[in-house]
């Protein structure tokens, strides 16, 4: 297995991960920049590992819980 194959198997692009999270790639990139949950390779390219993906899922779940606790939260809006 070459180095390129290992890198491609370990690091995934937002385009590959976003559908698994139910997000658009641009939304996932924005969340990566805002939260810092990502791995940056050369020239600032955003990639995600499996650990990054699990941390992003946890972040999204926590954000949804916090939004539900807000006083003005309307689940039908």
C-alpha atoms as a PDB file:
ATOM      1  CA  UNK A   1       0.000   0.000   0.000  1.00  0.00           C
ATOM      2  CA  UNK A   2       1.465   3.340  -1.027  1.00  0.00           C
ATOM      3  CA  UNK A   3       1.490   6.493   1.084  1.00  0.00           C
ATOM      4  CA  UNK A   4      -1.144   8.071  -1.167  1.00  0.00           C
ATOM      5  CA  UNK A   5      -3.488   5.107  -0.658  1.00  0.00           C
ATOM      6  CA  UNK A   6      -3.060   5.292   3.118  1.00  0.00           C
ATOM      7  CA  UNK A   7      -3.750   9.024   3.130  1.00  0.00           C
ATOM      8  CA  UNK A   8      -6.847   8.599   0.938  1.00  0.00           C
ATOM      9  CA  UNK A   9      -8.162   5.821   3.208  1.00  0.00           C
ATOM     10  CA  UNK A  10      -7.520   7.739   6.448  1.00  0.00           C
ATOM     11  CA  UNK A  11      -8.362  11.331   5.459  1.00  0.00           C
ATOM     12  CA  UNK A  12     -11.718  12.071   3.836  1.00  0.00           C
ATOM     13  CA  UNK A  13     -12.961  15.251   2.183  1.00  0.00           C
ATOM     14  CA  UNK A  14     -16.050  17.165   3.333  1.00  0.00           C
ATOM     15  CA  UNK A  15     -17.709  16.066   0.084  1.00  0.00           C
ATOM     16  CA  UNK A  16     -17.358  12.427   1.178  1.00  0.00           C
ATOM     17  CA  UNK A  17     -18.407  12.928   4.811  1.00  0.00           C
ATOM     18  CA  UNK A  18     -21.219  15.492   4.457  1.00  0.00           C
ATOM     19  CA  UNK A  19     -23.875  13.071   3.086  1.00  0.00           C
ATOM     20  CA  UNK A  20     -23.246  10.743   6.035  1.00  0.00           C
ATOM     21  CA  UNK A  21     -24.041  13.624   8.406  1.00  0.00           C
ATOM     22  CA  UNK A  22     -27.007  14.874   6.404  1.00  0.00           C
ATOM     23  CA  UNK A  23     -25.249  18.137   5.560  1.00  0.00           C
ATOM     24  CA  UNK A  24     -24.130  19.919   2.426  1.00  0.00           C
ATOM     25  CA  UNK A  25     -20.353  20.015   1.890  1.00  0.00           C
ATOM     26  CA  UNK A  26     -20.301  23.823   2.200  1.00  0.00           C
ATOM     27  CA  UNK A  27     -22.143  23.638   5.530  1.00  0.00           C
ATOM     28  CA  UNK A  28     -19.711  21.027   6.821  1.00  0.00           C
ATOM     29  CA  UNK A  29     -16.735  23.158   5.737  1.00  0.00           C
ATOM     30  CA  UNK A  30     -18.199  26.162   7.587  1.00  0.00           C
ATOM     31  CA  UNK A  31     -18.737  24.088  10.722  1.00  0.00           C
ATOM     32  CA  UNK A  32     -15.176  22.762  10.485  1.00  0.00           C
ATOM     33  CA  UNK A  33     -13.814  26.299  10.335  1.00  0.00           C
ATOM     34  CA  UNK A  34     -16.028  27.522  13.199  1.00  0.00           C
ATOM     35  CA  UNK A  35     -15.392  24.604  15.557  1.00  0.00           C
ATOM     36  CA  UNK A  36     -11.880  23.595  14.549  1.00  0.00           C
ATOM     37  CA  UNK A  37     -13.031  19.987  14.225  1.00  0.00           C
ATOM     38  CA  UNK A  38     -11.003  18.921  11.211  1.00  0.00           C
ATOM     39  CA  UNK A  39      -7.518  18.033  10.073  1.00  0.00           C
ATOM     40  CA  UNK A  40      -5.817  20.472   7.751  1.00  0.00           C
ATOM     41  CA  UNK A  41      -3.408  19.139   5.200  1.00  0.00           C
ATOM     42  CA  UNK A  42      -1.156  21.100   2.862  1.00  0.00           C
ATOM     43  CA  UNK A  43      -2.331  24.538   1.724  1.00  0.00           C
ATOM     44  CA  UNK A  44      -5.146  24.594   4.275  1.00  0.00           C
ATOM     45  CA  UNK A  45      -7.109  21.760   2.663  1.00  0.00           C
ATOM     46  CA  UNK A  46      -9.822  20.542   5.051  1.00  0.00           C
ATOM     47  CA  UNK A  47     -10.011  16.805   5.616  1.00  0.00           C
ATOM     48  CA  UNK A  48     -11.679  14.693   8.276  1.00  0.00           C
ATOM     49  CA  UNK A  49     -10.683  11.498  10.007  1.00  0.00           C
ATOM     50  CA  UNK A  50     -13.179   9.063  11.519  1.00  0.00           C
ATOM     51  CA  UNK A  51     -12.464  10.659  14.920  1.00  0.00           C
ATOM     52  CA  UNK A  52     -13.199  14.114  13.481  1.00  0.00           C
ATOM     53  CA  UNK A  53     -16.486  12.786  12.105  1.00  0.00           C
ATOM     54  CA  UNK A  54     -17.503  11.401  15.507  1.00  0.00           C
ATOM     55  CA  UNK A  55     -16.582  14.691  17.221  1.00  0.00           C
ATOM     56  CA  UNK A  56     -18.664  16.612  14.652  1.00  0.00           C
ATOM     57  CA  UNK A  57     -21.655  14.328  15.312  1.00  0.00           C
ATOM     58  CA  UNK A  58     -21.299  14.970  19.050  1.00  0.00           C
ATOM     59  CA  UNK A  59     -21.063  18.721  18.389  1.00  0.00           C
ATOM     60  CA  UNK A  60     -24.209  18.700  16.240  1.00  0.00           C
ATOM     61  CA  UNK A  61     -26.147  16.736  18.881  1.00  0.00           C
ATOM     62  CA  UNK A  62     -25.014  19.106  21.645  1.00  0.00           C
ATOM     63  CA  UNK A  63     -25.864  22.174  19.568  1.00  0.00           C
ATOM     64  CA  UNK A  64     -29.353  20.823  18.942  1.00  0.00           C
ATOM     65  CA  UNK A  65     -29.840  20.177  22.680  1.00  0.00           C
ATOM     66  CA  UNK A  66     -28.702  23.709  23.534  1.00  0.00           C
ATOM     67  CA  UNK A  67     -31.047  25.185  20.937  1.00  0.00           C
ATOM     68  CA  UNK A  68     -33.948  23.217  22.420  1.00  0.00           C
ATOM     69  CA  UNK A  69     -33.182  24.644  25.884  1.00  0.00           C
ATOM     70  CA  UNK A  70     -33.459  28.231  24.657  1.00  0.00           C
ATOM     71  CA  UNK A  71     -36.482  30.074  26.032  1.00  0.00           C
ATOM     72  CA  UNK A  72     -37.665  31.252  22.632  1.00  0.00           C
ATOM     73  CA  UNK A  73     -37.218  27.845  20.990  1.00  0.00           C
ATOM     74  CA  UNK A  74     -40.107  26.905  18.743  1.00  0.00           C
ATOM     75  CA  UNK A  75     -39.860  23.325  17.435  1.00  0.00           C
ATOM     76  CA  UNK A  76     -42.387  24.121  14.703  1.00  0.00           C
ATOM     77  CA  UNK A  77     -40.576  27.170  13.313  1.00  0.00           C
END
